[in-house]
């Protein structure tokens, strides 16, 4: 290999390593700032079983009681919040289910980063 080609490859390796290292550090910093509070009894395996079309009674039997409920735009619709921010810093994973007239019409998982 020619000397300049070897040098160019060396520079590319160093730059790639720095970028990869920076990404790892950024992801770790982001992840460690999450402080999600889960409803008692919440488990990912149970969340995975919750489905659109279930009755609210079935859902509560499966997942337990939510941490809170939020009113929807119409009286028949509400969100059952199974997580919240533990320290109110706004960085958490929000698991919630939308119920309309006693039936699950939506199941959501959002990441809040404030």
PDB file of N, CA and C in Angstrom:
ATOM      1  N   UNK A   1       0.826  -1.175   0.000  1.00  0.00           N
ATOM      2  CA  UNK A   1       0.000   0.000   0.000  1.00  0.00           C
ATOM      3  C   UNK A   1       0.874   1.245   0.000  1.00  0.00           C
ATOM      4  N   UNK A   2       0.421   2.223  -0.652  1.00  0.00           N
ATOM      5  CA  UNK A   2       1.120   3.483  -0.711  1.00  0.00           C
ATOM      6  C   UNK A   2       1.009   4.192   0.631  1.00  0.00           C
ATOM      7  N   UNK A   3       2.014   4.961   1.004  1.00  0.00           N
ATOM      8  CA  UNK A   3       2.062   5.631   2.302  1.00  0.00           C
ATOM      9  C   UNK A   3       0.852   6.548   2.531  1.00  0.00           C
ATOM     10  N   UNK A   4       0.437   7.325   1.526  1.00  0.00           N
ATOM     11  CA  UNK A   4      -0.693   8.257   1.699  1.00  0.00           C
ATOM     12  C   UNK A   4      -2.015   7.498   1.852  1.00  0.00           C
ATOM     13  N   UNK A   5      -2.149   6.351   1.190  1.00  0.00           N
ATOM     14  CA  UNK A   5      -3.352   5.526   1.335  1.00  0.00           C
ATOM     15  C   UNK A   5      -3.433   4.949   2.741  1.00  0.00           C
ATOM     16  N   UNK A   6      -2.309   4.495   3.259  1.00  0.00           N
ATOM     17  CA  UNK A   6      -2.260   3.957   4.614  1.00  0.00           C
ATOM     18  C   UNK A   6      -2.615   5.042   5.622  1.00  0.00           C
ATOM     19  N   UNK A   7      -2.082   6.213   5.412  1.00  0.00           N
ATOM     20  CA  UNK A   7      -2.353   7.331   6.323  1.00  0.00           C
ATOM     21  C   UNK A   7      -3.832   7.709   6.261  1.00  0.00           C
ATOM     22  N   UNK A   8      -4.412   7.762   5.078  1.00  0.00           N
ATOM     23  CA  UNK A   8      -5.827   8.100   4.921  1.00  0.00           C
ATOM     24  C   UNK A   8      -6.706   7.077   5.630  1.00  0.00           C
ATOM     25  N   UNK A   9      -6.383   5.794   5.469  1.00  0.00           N
ATOM     26  CA  UNK A   9      -7.140   4.738   6.149  1.00  0.00           C
ATOM     27  C   UNK A   9      -7.028   4.874   7.668  1.00  0.00           C
ATOM     28  N   UNK A  10      -5.844   5.209   8.147  1.00  0.00           N
ATOM     29  CA  UNK A  10      -5.636   5.404   9.583  1.00  0.00           C
ATOM     30  C   UNK A  10      -6.481   6.540  10.121  1.00  0.00           C
ATOM     31  N   UNK A  11      -6.533   7.627   9.388  1.00  0.00           N
ATOM     32  CA  UNK A  11      -7.349   8.782   9.792  1.00  0.00           C
ATOM     33  C   UNK A  11      -8.825   8.397   9.797  1.00  0.00           C
ATOM     34  N   UNK A  12      -9.269   7.668   8.769  1.00  0.00           N
ATOM     35  CA  UNK A  12     -10.671   7.240   8.712  1.00  0.00           C
ATOM     36  C   UNK A  12     -11.026   6.329   9.887  1.00  0.00           C
ATOM     37  N   UNK A  13     -10.131   5.458  10.266  1.00  0.00           N
ATOM     38  CA  UNK A  13     -10.367   4.559  11.399  1.00  0.00           C
ATOM     39  C   UNK A  13     -10.491   5.371  12.691  1.00  0.00           C
ATOM     40  N   UNK A  14      -9.623   6.330  12.882  1.00  0.00           N
ATOM     41  CA  UNK A  14      -9.672   7.171  14.084  1.00  0.00           C
ATOM     42  C   UNK A  14     -10.974   7.973  14.126  1.00  0.00           C
ATOM     43  N   UNK A  15     -11.362   8.550  13.011  1.00  0.00           N
ATOM     44  CA  UNK A  15     -12.604   9.328  12.950  1.00  0.00           C
ATOM     45  C   UNK A  15     -13.811   8.424  13.208  1.00  0.00           C
ATOM     46  N   UNK A  16     -13.842   7.256  12.588  1.00  0.00           N
ATOM     47  CA  UNK A  16     -14.956   6.324  12.789  1.00  0.00           C
ATOM     48  C   UNK A  16     -15.043   5.885  14.242  1.00  0.00           C
ATOM     49  N   UNK A  17     -13.908   5.619  14.875  1.00  0.00           N
ATOM     50  CA  UNK A  17     -13.890   5.212  16.283  1.00  0.00           C
ATOM     51  C   UNK A  17     -14.396   6.343  17.172  1.00  0.00           C
ATOM     52  N   UNK A  18     -14.006   7.567  16.866  1.00  0.00           N
ATOM     53  CA  UNK A  18     -14.460   8.716  17.660  1.00  0.00           C
ATOM     54  C   UNK A  18     -15.968   8.909  17.528  1.00  0.00           C
ATOM     55  N   UNK A  19     -16.495   8.790  16.318  1.00  0.00           N
ATOM     56  CA  UNK A  19     -17.937   8.934  16.095  1.00  0.00           C
ATOM     57  C   UNK A  19     -18.692   7.827  16.815  1.00  0.00           C
ATOM     58  N   UNK A  20     -18.230   6.598  16.678  1.00  0.00           N
ATOM     59  CA  UNK A  20     -18.897   5.467  17.340  1.00  0.00           C
ATOM     60  C   UNK A  20     -18.851   5.640  18.855  1.00  0.00           C
ATOM     61  N   UNK A  21     -17.721   6.038  19.386  1.00  0.00           N
ATOM     62  CA  UNK A  21     -17.601   6.262  20.826  1.00  0.00           C
ATOM     63  C   UNK A  21     -18.518   7.371  21.302  1.00  0.00           C
ATOM     64  N   UNK A  22     -18.598   8.437  20.520  1.00  0.00           N
ATOM     65  CA  UNK A  22     -19.498   9.543  20.871  1.00  0.00           C
ATOM     66  C   UNK A  22     -20.949   9.110  20.881  1.00  0.00           C
ATOM     67  N   UNK A  23     -21.336   8.273  19.926  1.00  0.00           N
ATOM     68  CA  UNK A  23     -22.712   7.769  19.889  1.00  0.00           C
ATOM     69  C   UNK A  23     -23.018   6.896  21.098  1.00  0.00           C
ATOM     70  N   UNK A  24     -22.083   6.051  21.473  1.00  0.00           N
ATOM     71  CA  UNK A  24     -22.278   5.191  22.642  1.00  0.00           C
ATOM     72  C   UNK A  24     -22.456   6.049  23.894  1.00  0.00           C
ATOM     73  N   UNK A  25     -21.609   7.037  24.066  1.00  0.00           N
ATOM     74  CA  UNK A  25     -21.706   7.920  25.227  1.00  0.00           C
ATOM     75  C   UNK A  25     -23.033   8.676  25.218  1.00  0.00           C
ATOM     76  N   UNK A  26     -23.448   9.183  24.070  1.00  0.00           N
ATOM     77  CA  UNK A  26     -24.715   9.919  23.974  1.00  0.00           C
ATOM     78  C   UNK A  26     -25.901   9.032  24.333  1.00  0.00           C
ATOM     79  N   UNK A  27     -25.911   7.807  23.839  1.00  0.00           N
ATOM     80  CA  UNK A  27     -27.010   6.881  24.142  1.00  0.00           C
ATOM     81  C   UNK A  27     -27.032   6.554  25.630  1.00  0.00           C
ATOM     82  N   UNK A  28     -25.875   6.297  26.215  1.00  0.00           N
ATOM     83  CA  UNK A  28     -25.814   6.002  27.645  1.00  0.00           C
ATOM     84  C   UNK A  28     -26.272   7.186  28.483  1.00  0.00           C
ATOM     85  N   UNK A  29     -25.875   8.397  28.110  1.00  0.00           N
ATOM     86  CA  UNK A  29     -26.317   9.590  28.842  1.00  0.00           C
ATOM     87  C   UNK A  29     -27.824   9.754  28.728  1.00  0.00           C
ATOM     88  N   UNK A  30     -28.358   9.556  27.546  1.00  0.00           N
ATOM     89  CA  UNK A  30     -29.791   9.674  27.329  1.00  0.00           C
ATOM     90  C   UNK A  30     -30.539   8.632  28.158  1.00  0.00           C
ATOM     91  N   UNK A  31     -30.105   7.384  28.083  1.00  0.00           N
ATOM     92  CA  UNK A  31     -30.815   6.299  28.767  1.00  0.00           C
ATOM     93  C   UNK A  31     -30.784   6.471  30.283  1.00  0.00           C
ATOM     94  N   UNK A  32     -29.664   6.922  30.830  1.00  0.00           N
ATOM     95  CA  UNK A  32     -29.556   7.033  32.283  1.00  0.00           C
ATOM     96  C   UNK A  32     -30.364   8.188  32.844  1.00  0.00           C
ATOM     97  N   UNK A  33     -30.835   9.095  32.000  1.00  0.00           N
ATOM     98  CA  UNK A  33     -31.654  10.195  32.511  1.00  0.00           C
ATOM     99  C   UNK A  33     -33.130   9.833  32.556  1.00  0.00           C
ATOM    100  N   UNK A  34     -33.510   8.660  32.041  1.00  0.00           N
ATOM    101  CA  UNK A  34     -34.901   8.243  32.113  1.00  0.00           C
ATOM    102  C   UNK A  34     -35.213   7.791  33.528  1.00  0.00           C
ATOM    103  N   UNK A  35     -36.333   8.239  34.039  1.00  0.00           N
ATOM    104  CA  UNK A  35     -36.714   7.882  35.403  1.00  0.00           C
ATOM    105  C   UNK A  35     -38.182   7.464  35.428  1.00  0.00           C
ATOM    106  N   UNK A  36     -38.511   6.495  34.626  1.00  0.00           N
ATOM    107  CA  UNK A  36     -39.888   6.048  34.476  1.00  0.00           C
ATOM    108  C   UNK A  36     -40.401   5.367  35.738  1.00  0.00           C
ATOM    109  N   UNK A  37     -41.556   5.818  36.186  1.00  0.00           N
ATOM    110  CA  UNK A  37     -42.268   5.156  37.288  1.00  0.00           C
ATOM    111  C   UNK A  37     -43.351   4.290  36.655  1.00  0.00           C
ATOM    112  N   UNK A  38     -43.409   3.027  37.035  1.00  0.00           N
ATOM    113  CA  UNK A  38     -44.377   2.084  36.478  1.00  0.00           C
ATOM    114  C   UNK A  38     -45.491   1.816  37.485  1.00  0.00           C
ATOM    115  N   UNK A  39     -46.682   1.559  36.971  1.00  0.00           N
ATOM    116  CA  UNK A  39     -47.801   1.175  37.836  1.00  0.00           C
ATOM    117  C   UNK A  39     -47.446  -0.134  38.543  1.00  0.00           C
ATOM    118  N   UNK A  40     -47.929  -0.314  39.767  1.00  0.00           N
ATOM    119  CA  UNK A  40     -47.658  -1.568  40.483  1.00  0.00           C
ATOM    120  C   UNK A  40     -48.105  -2.765  39.627  1.00  0.00           C
ATOM    121  N   UNK A  41     -47.247  -3.740  39.522  1.00  0.00           N
ATOM    122  CA  UNK A  41     -47.575  -4.937  38.762  1.00  0.00           C
ATOM    123  C   UNK A  41     -47.333  -4.831  37.268  1.00  0.00           C
ATOM    124  N   UNK A  42     -46.915  -3.652  36.773  1.00  0.00           N
ATOM    125  CA  UNK A  42     -46.658  -3.503  35.335  1.00  0.00           C
ATOM    126  C   UNK A  42     -45.514  -4.427  34.935  1.00  0.00           C
ATOM    127  N   UNK A  43     -45.694  -5.133  33.843  1.00  0.00           N
ATOM    128  CA  UNK A  43     -44.646  -5.985  33.284  1.00  0.00           C
ATOM    129  C   UNK A  43     -44.750  -5.937  31.768  1.00  0.00           C
ATOM    130  N   UNK A  44     -43.619  -5.888  31.103  1.00  0.00           N
ATOM    131  CA  UNK A  44     -43.597  -5.813  29.644  1.00  0.00           C
ATOM    132  C   UNK A  44     -44.340  -6.985  29.016  1.00  0.00           C
ATOM    133  N   UNK A  45     -44.188  -8.167  29.573  1.00  0.00           N
ATOM    134  CA  UNK A  45     -44.861  -9.352  29.008  1.00  0.00           C
ATOM    135  C   UNK A  45     -46.382  -9.207  29.078  1.00  0.00           C
ATOM    136  N   UNK A  46     -46.891  -8.547  30.110  1.00  0.00           N
ATOM    137  CA  UNK A  46     -48.338  -8.316  30.210  1.00  0.00           C
ATOM    138  C   UNK A  46     -48.768  -7.213  29.246  1.00  0.00           C
ATOM    139  N   UNK A  47     -47.945  -6.173  29.148  1.00  0.00           N
ATOM    140  CA  UNK A  47     -48.230  -5.086  28.211  1.00  0.00           C
ATOM    141  C   UNK A  47     -48.352  -5.638  26.787  1.00  0.00           C
ATOM    142  N   UNK A  48     -47.481  -6.560  26.446  1.00  0.00           N
ATOM    143  CA  UNK A  48     -47.492  -7.142  25.109  1.00  0.00           C
ATOM    144  C   UNK A  48     -48.791  -7.903  24.828  1.00  0.00           C
ATOM    145  N   UNK A  49     -49.444  -8.393  25.868  1.00  0.00           N
ATOM    146  CA  UNK A  49     -50.700  -9.135  25.704  1.00  0.00           C
ATOM    147  C   UNK A  49     -51.920  -8.226  25.585  1.00  0.00           C
ATOM    148  N   UNK A  50     -51.808  -6.992  26.047  1.00  0.00           N
ATOM    149  CA  UNK A  50     -52.931  -6.050  25.942  1.00  0.00           C
ATOM    150  C   UNK A  50     -53.198  -5.762  24.465  1.00  0.00           C
ATOM    151  N   UNK A  51     -54.477  -5.684  24.094  1.00  0.00           N
ATOM    152  CA  UNK A  51     -54.802  -5.531  22.673  1.00  0.00           C
ATOM    153  C   UNK A  51     -56.018  -4.647  22.454  1.00  0.00           C
ATOM    154  N   UNK A  52     -56.008  -3.974  21.320  1.00  0.00           N
ATOM    155  CA  UNK A  52     -57.164  -3.203  20.879  1.00  0.00           C
ATOM    156  C   UNK A  52     -58.349  -4.165  20.773  1.00  0.00           C
ATOM    157  N   UNK A  53     -59.511  -3.712  21.250  1.00  0.00           N
ATOM    158  CA  UNK A  53     -60.719  -4.533  21.215  1.00  0.00           C
ATOM    159  C   UNK A  53     -61.062  -5.142  22.563  1.00  0.00           C
ATOM    160  N   UNK A  54     -60.074  -5.199  23.487  1.00  0.00           N
ATOM    161  CA  UNK A  54     -60.350  -5.715  24.829  1.00  0.00           C
ATOM    162  C   UNK A  54     -61.300  -4.762  25.539  1.00  0.00           C
ATOM    163  N   UNK A  55     -62.021  -5.286  26.495  1.00  0.00           N
ATOM    164  CA  UNK A  55     -62.827  -4.398  27.335  1.00  0.00           C
ATOM    165  C   UNK A  55     -61.903  -3.754  28.369  1.00  0.00           C
ATOM    166  N   UNK A  56     -62.323  -2.636  28.915  1.00  0.00           N
ATOM    167  CA  UNK A  56     -61.532  -1.971  29.954  1.00  0.00           C
ATOM    168  C   UNK A  56     -61.378  -2.897  31.159  1.00  0.00           C
ATOM    169  N   UNK A  57     -62.401  -3.666  31.473  1.00  0.00           N
ATOM    170  CA  UNK A  57     -62.338  -4.611  32.585  1.00  0.00           C
ATOM    171  C   UNK A  57     -61.264  -5.665  32.341  1.00  0.00           C
ATOM    172  N   UNK A  58     -61.220  -6.215  31.117  1.00  0.00           N
ATOM    173  CA  UNK A  58     -60.182  -7.200  30.772  1.00  0.00           C
ATOM    174  C   UNK A  58     -58.792  -6.586  30.883  1.00  0.00           C
ATOM    175  N   UNK A  59     -58.663  -5.360  30.383  1.00  0.00           N
ATOM    176  CA  UNK A  59     -57.381  -4.672  30.408  1.00  0.00           C
ATOM    177  C   UNK A  59     -56.902  -4.467  31.843  1.00  0.00           C
ATOM    178  N   UNK A  60     -57.786  -3.973  32.699  1.00  0.00           N
ATOM    179  CA  UNK A  60     -57.415  -3.733  34.100  1.00  0.00           C
ATOM    180  C   UNK A  60     -57.104  -5.049  34.813  1.00  0.00           C
ATOM    181  N   UNK A  61     -57.797  -6.098  34.440  1.00  0.00           N
ATOM    182  CA  UNK A  61     -57.519  -7.413  35.021  1.00  0.00           C
ATOM    183  C   UNK A  61     -56.123  -7.882  34.623  1.00  0.00           C
ATOM    184  N   UNK A  62     -55.730  -7.574  33.411  1.00  0.00           N
ATOM    185  CA  UNK A  62     -54.419  -7.975  32.901  1.00  0.00           C
ATOM    186  C   UNK A  62     -53.299  -7.107  33.458  1.00  0.00           C
ATOM    187  N   UNK A  63     -53.446  -5.781  33.338  1.00  0.00           N
ATOM    188  CA  UNK A  63     -52.364  -4.853  33.677  1.00  0.00           C
ATOM    189  C   UNK A  63     -52.442  -4.273  35.079  1.00  0.00           C
ATOM    190  N   UNK A  64     -53.583  -4.416  35.726  1.00  0.00           N
ATOM    191  CA  UNK A  64     -53.768  -3.783  37.026  1.00  0.00           C
ATOM    192  C   UNK A  64     -54.258  -2.357  36.860  1.00  0.00           C
ATOM    193  N   UNK A  65     -54.286  -1.646  37.959  1.00  0.00           N
ATOM    194  CA  UNK A  65     -54.758  -0.261  37.931  1.00  0.00           C
ATOM    195  C   UNK A  65     -53.668   0.657  37.388  1.00  0.00           C
ATOM    196  N   UNK A  66     -54.066   1.617  36.550  1.00  0.00           N
ATOM    197  CA  UNK A  66     -53.082   2.577  36.026  1.00  0.00           C
ATOM    198  C   UNK A  66     -52.650   3.556  37.120  1.00  0.00           C
ATOM    199  N   UNK A  67     -51.547   4.245  36.868  1.00  0.00           N
ATOM    200  CA  UNK A  67     -51.115   5.292  37.799  1.00  0.00           C
ATOM    201  C   UNK A  67     -52.080   6.461  37.797  1.00  0.00           C
ATOM    202  N   UNK A  68     -52.639   6.744  36.624  1.00  0.00           N
ATOM    203  CA  UNK A  68     -53.581   7.869  36.511  1.00  0.00           C
ATOM    204  C   UNK A  68     -54.448   7.676  35.276  1.00  0.00           C
ATOM    205  N   UNK A  69     -55.478   8.501  35.204  1.00  0.00           N
ATOM    206  CA  UNK A  69     -56.363   8.535  34.032  1.00  0.00           C
ATOM    207  C   UNK A  69     -56.429   9.966  33.533  1.00  0.00           C
ATOM    208  N   UNK A  70     -56.473  10.132  32.230  1.00  0.00           N
ATOM    209  CA  UNK A  70     -56.592  11.458  31.620  1.00  0.00           C
ATOM    210  C   UNK A  70     -57.860  11.490  30.796  1.00  0.00           C
ATOM    211  N   UNK A  71     -58.645  12.537  30.981  1.00  0.00           N
ATOM    212  CA  UNK A  71     -59.885  12.683  30.218  1.00  0.00           C
ATOM    213  C   UNK A  71     -59.560  12.956  28.756  1.00  0.00           C
ATOM    214  N   UNK A  72     -60.408  12.426  27.891  1.00  0.00           N
ATOM    215  CA  UNK A  72     -60.255  12.665  26.470  1.00  0.00           C
ATOM    216  C   UNK A  72     -61.065  13.864  26.021  1.00  0.00           C
ATOM    217  N   UNK A  73     -61.084  14.097  24.730  1.00  0.00           N
ATOM    218  CA  UNK A  73     -61.825  15.234  24.163  1.00  0.00           C
ATOM    219  C   UNK A  73     -63.330  15.046  24.310  1.00  0.00           C
ATOM    220  N   UNK A  74     -63.762  13.808  24.404  1.00  0.00           N
ATOM    221  CA  UNK A  74     -65.179  13.516  24.619  1.00  0.00           C
ATOM    222  C   UNK A  74     -65.292  12.686  25.904  1.00  0.00           C
ATOM    223  N   UNK A  75     -66.405  12.800  26.620  1.00  0.00           N
ATOM    224  CA  UNK A  75     -66.532  12.116  27.917  1.00  0.00           C
ATOM    225  C   UNK A  75     -66.325  10.596  27.862  1.00  0.00           C
ATOM    226  N   UNK A  76     -66.648   9.966  26.754  1.00  0.00           N
ATOM    227  CA  UNK A  76     -66.543   8.509  26.655  1.00  0.00           C
ATOM    228  C   UNK A  76     -65.103   8.029  26.469  1.00  0.00           C
ATOM    229  N   UNK A  77     -64.186   8.938  26.177  1.00  0.00           N
ATOM    230  CA  UNK A  77     -62.807   8.565  25.849  1.00  0.00           C
ATOM    231  C   UNK A  77     -61.870   9.011  26.962  1.00  0.00           C
ATOM    232  N   UNK A  78     -60.926   8.130  27.314  1.00  0.00           N
ATOM    233  CA  UNK A  78     -59.935   8.458  28.337  1.00  0.00           C
ATOM    234  C   UNK A  78     -58.656   7.683  28.064  1.00  0.00           C
ATOM    235  N   UNK A  79     -57.579   8.162  28.672  1.00  0.00           N
ATOM    236  CA  UNK A  79     -56.297   7.468  28.590  1.00  0.00           C
ATOM    237  C   UNK A  79     -55.974   6.903  29.964  1.00  0.00           C
ATOM    238  N   UNK A  80     -55.575   5.654  29.995  1.00  0.00           N
ATOM    239  CA  UNK A  80     -55.114   5.015  31.221  1.00  0.00           C
ATOM    240  C   UNK A  80     -53.592   5.017  31.171  1.00  0.00           C
ATOM    241  N   UNK A  81     -52.975   5.768  32.064  1.00  0.00           N
ATOM    242  CA  UNK A  81     -51.523   5.967  32.068  1.00  0.00           C
ATOM    243  C   UNK A  81     -50.858   4.961  33.006  1.00  0.00           C
ATOM    244  N   UNK A  82     -50.066   4.076  32.423  1.00  0.00           N
ATOM    245  CA  UNK A  82     -49.401   3.048  33.215  1.00  0.00           C
ATOM    246  C   UNK A  82     -47.985   3.434  33.624  1.00  0.00           C
ATOM    247  N   UNK A  83     -47.524   4.606  33.200  1.00  0.00           N
ATOM    248  CA  UNK A  83     -46.222   5.117  33.628  1.00  0.00           C
ATOM    249  C   UNK A  83     -46.313   6.625  33.808  1.00  0.00           C
ATOM    250  N   UNK A  84     -45.292   7.161  34.473  1.00  0.00           N
ATOM    251  CA  UNK A  84     -45.170   8.607  34.677  1.00  0.00           C
ATOM    252  C   UNK A  84     -43.695   8.910  34.913  1.00  0.00           C
ATOM    253  N   UNK A  85     -43.364  10.181  34.942  1.00  0.00           N
ATOM    254  CA  UNK A  85     -42.003  10.587  35.275  1.00  0.00           C
ATOM    255  C   UNK A  85     -41.864  10.565  36.791  1.00  0.00           C
ATOM    256  N   UNK A  86     -40.885   9.834  37.276  1.00  0.00           N
ATOM    257  CA  UNK A  86     -40.675   9.700  38.723  1.00  0.00           C
ATOM    258  C   UNK A  86     -40.278  11.032  39.362  1.00  0.00           C
ATOM    259  N   UNK A  87     -39.436  11.814  38.703  1.00  0.00           N
ATOM    260  CA  UNK A  87     -38.936  13.057  39.297  1.00  0.00           C
ATOM    261  C   UNK A  87     -39.484  14.302  38.611  1.00  0.00           C
ATOM    262  N   UNK A  88     -40.435  14.134  37.734  1.00  0.00           N
ATOM    263  CA  UNK A  88     -41.014  15.250  36.979  1.00  0.00           C
ATOM    264  C   UNK A  88     -39.997  15.972  36.100  1.00  0.00           C
ATOM    265  N   UNK A  89     -38.898  15.286  35.734  1.00  0.00           N
ATOM    266  CA  UNK A  89     -37.953  15.922  34.815  1.00  0.00           C
ATOM    267  C   UNK A  89     -38.401  15.779  33.365  1.00  0.00           C
ATOM    268  N   UNK A  90     -39.456  15.000  33.140  1.00  0.00           N
ATOM    269  CA  UNK A  90     -40.017  14.865  31.805  1.00  0.00           C
ATOM    270  C   UNK A  90     -39.368  13.810  30.938  1.00  0.00           C
ATOM    271  N   UNK A  91     -38.389  13.110  31.445  1.00  0.00           N
ATOM    272  CA  UNK A  91     -37.694  12.093  30.657  1.00  0.00           C
ATOM    273  C   UNK A  91     -38.153  10.709  31.100  1.00  0.00           C
ATOM    274  N   UNK A  92     -39.092  10.154  30.341  1.00  0.00           N
ATOM    275  CA  UNK A  92     -39.590   8.832  30.707  1.00  0.00           C
ATOM    276  C   UNK A  92     -40.249   8.156  29.526  1.00  0.00           C
ATOM    277  N   UNK A  93     -40.496   6.864  29.699  1.00  0.00           N
ATOM    278  CA  UNK A  93     -41.199   6.096  28.679  1.00  0.00           C
ATOM    279  C   UNK A  93     -42.663   6.059  29.099  1.00  0.00           C
ATOM    280  N   UNK A  94     -43.532   6.579  28.252  1.00  0.00           N
ATOM    281  CA  UNK A  94     -44.957   6.698  28.573  1.00  0.00           C
ATOM    282  C   UNK A  94     -45.729   5.555  27.929  1.00  0.00           C
ATOM    283  N   UNK A  95     -46.246   4.665  28.755  1.00  0.00           N
ATOM    284  CA  UNK A  95     -47.114   3.589  28.303  1.00  0.00           C
ATOM    285  C   UNK A  95     -48.536   3.986  28.670  1.00  0.00           C
ATOM    286  N   UNK A  96     -49.422   4.048  27.675  1.00  0.00           N
ATOM    287  CA  UNK A  96     -50.812   4.375  27.976  1.00  0.00           C
ATOM    288  C   UNK A  96     -51.745   3.699  26.993  1.00  0.00           C
ATOM    289  N   UNK A  97     -52.973   3.515  27.460  1.00  0.00           N
ATOM    290  CA  UNK A  97     -54.001   2.854  26.663  1.00  0.00           C
ATOM    291  C   UNK A  97     -55.168   3.814  26.539  1.00  0.00           C
ATOM    292  N   UNK A  98     -55.720   3.927  25.340  1.00  0.00           N
ATOM    293  CA  UNK A  98     -56.889   4.768  25.110  1.00  0.00           C
ATOM    294  C   UNK A  98     -58.128   3.878  25.128  1.00  0.00           C
ATOM    295  N   UNK A  99     -59.096   4.283  25.945  1.00  0.00           N
ATOM    296  CA  UNK A  99     -60.344   3.533  26.088  1.00  0.00           C
ATOM    297  C   UNK A  99     -61.486   4.431  25.640  1.00  0.00           C
ATOM    298  N   UNK A 100     -62.375   3.888  24.832  1.00  0.00           N
ATOM    299  CA  UNK A 100     -63.545   4.624  24.353  1.00  0.00           C
ATOM    300  C   UNK A 100     -64.773   3.742  24.558  1.00  0.00           C
ATOM    301  N   UNK A 101     -65.732   4.248  25.333  1.00  0.00           N
ATOM    302  CA  UNK A 101     -66.950   3.486  25.634  1.00  0.00           C
ATOM    303  C   UNK A 101     -66.651   2.095  26.184  1.00  0.00           C
ATOM    304  N   UNK A 102     -65.639   2.017  27.060  1.00  0.00           N
ATOM    305  CA  UNK A 102     -65.325   0.756  27.712  1.00  0.00           C
ATOM    306  C   UNK A 102     -64.505  -0.226  26.902  1.00  0.00           C
ATOM    307  N   UNK A 103     -64.054   0.165  25.709  1.00  0.00           N
ATOM    308  CA  UNK A 103     -63.241  -0.708  24.849  1.00  0.00           C
ATOM    309  C   UNK A 103     -61.882  -0.061  24.569  1.00  0.00           C
ATOM    310  N   UNK A 104     -60.857  -0.883  24.516  1.00  0.00           N
ATOM    311  CA  UNK A 104     -59.521  -0.393  24.176  1.00  0.00           C
ATOM    312  C   UNK A 104     -59.493  -0.067  22.684  1.00  0.00           C
ATOM    313  N   UNK A 105     -59.156   1.180  22.364  1.00  0.00           N
ATOM    314  CA  UNK A 105     -59.083   1.602  20.959  1.00  0.00           C
ATOM    315  C   UNK A 105     -57.664   1.989  20.550  1.00  0.00           C
ATOM    316  N   UNK A 106     -56.760   2.013  21.516  1.00  0.00           N
ATOM    317  CA  UNK A 106     -55.375   2.341  21.198  1.00  0.00           C
ATOM    318  C   UNK A 106     -54.444   1.950  22.322  1.00  0.00           C
ATOM    319  N   UNK A 107     -53.252   1.532  21.954  1.00  0.00           N
ATOM    320  CA  UNK A 107     -52.210   1.149  22.913  1.00  0.00           C
ATOM    321  C   UNK A 107     -50.933   1.836  22.447  1.00  0.00           C
ATOM    322  N   UNK A 108     -50.321   2.629  23.334  1.00  0.00           N
ATOM    323  CA  UNK A 108     -49.207   3.473  22.894  1.00  0.00           C
ATOM    324  C   UNK A 108     -48.018   3.397  23.838  1.00  0.00           C
ATOM    325  N   UNK A 109     -46.850   3.559  23.265  1.00  0.00           N
ATOM    326  CA  UNK A 109     -45.592   3.665  23.999  1.00  0.00           C
ATOM    327  C   UNK A 109     -44.834   4.804  23.369  1.00  0.00           C
ATOM    328  N   UNK A 110     -44.641   5.884  24.117  1.00  0.00           N
ATOM    329  CA  UNK A 110     -43.931   7.062  23.621  1.00  0.00           C
ATOM    330  C   UNK A 110     -42.761   7.362  24.536  1.00  0.00           C
ATOM    331  N   UNK A 111     -41.736   7.969  23.993  1.00  0.00           N
ATOM    332  CA  UNK A 111     -40.600   8.402  24.796  1.00  0.00           C
ATOM    333  C   UNK A 111     -40.695   9.909  24.931  1.00  0.00           C
ATOM    334  N   UNK A 112     -40.718  10.378  26.174  1.00  0.00           N
ATOM    335  CA  UNK A 112     -40.733  11.806  26.456  1.00  0.00           C
ATOM    336  C   UNK A 112     -39.327  12.213  26.863  1.00  0.00           C
ATOM    337  N   UNK A 113     -38.810  13.169  26.151  1.00  0.00           N
ATOM    338  CA  UNK A 113     -37.477  13.706  26.440  1.00  0.00           C
ATOM    339  C   UNK A 113     -37.623  15.202  26.507  1.00  0.00           C
ATOM    340  N   UNK A 114     -37.430  15.748  27.690  1.00  0.00           N
ATOM    341  CA  UNK A 114     -37.663  17.177  27.903  1.00  0.00           C
ATOM    342  C   UNK A 114     -36.368  17.913  28.091  1.00  0.00           C
TER     343      UNK A 114
END
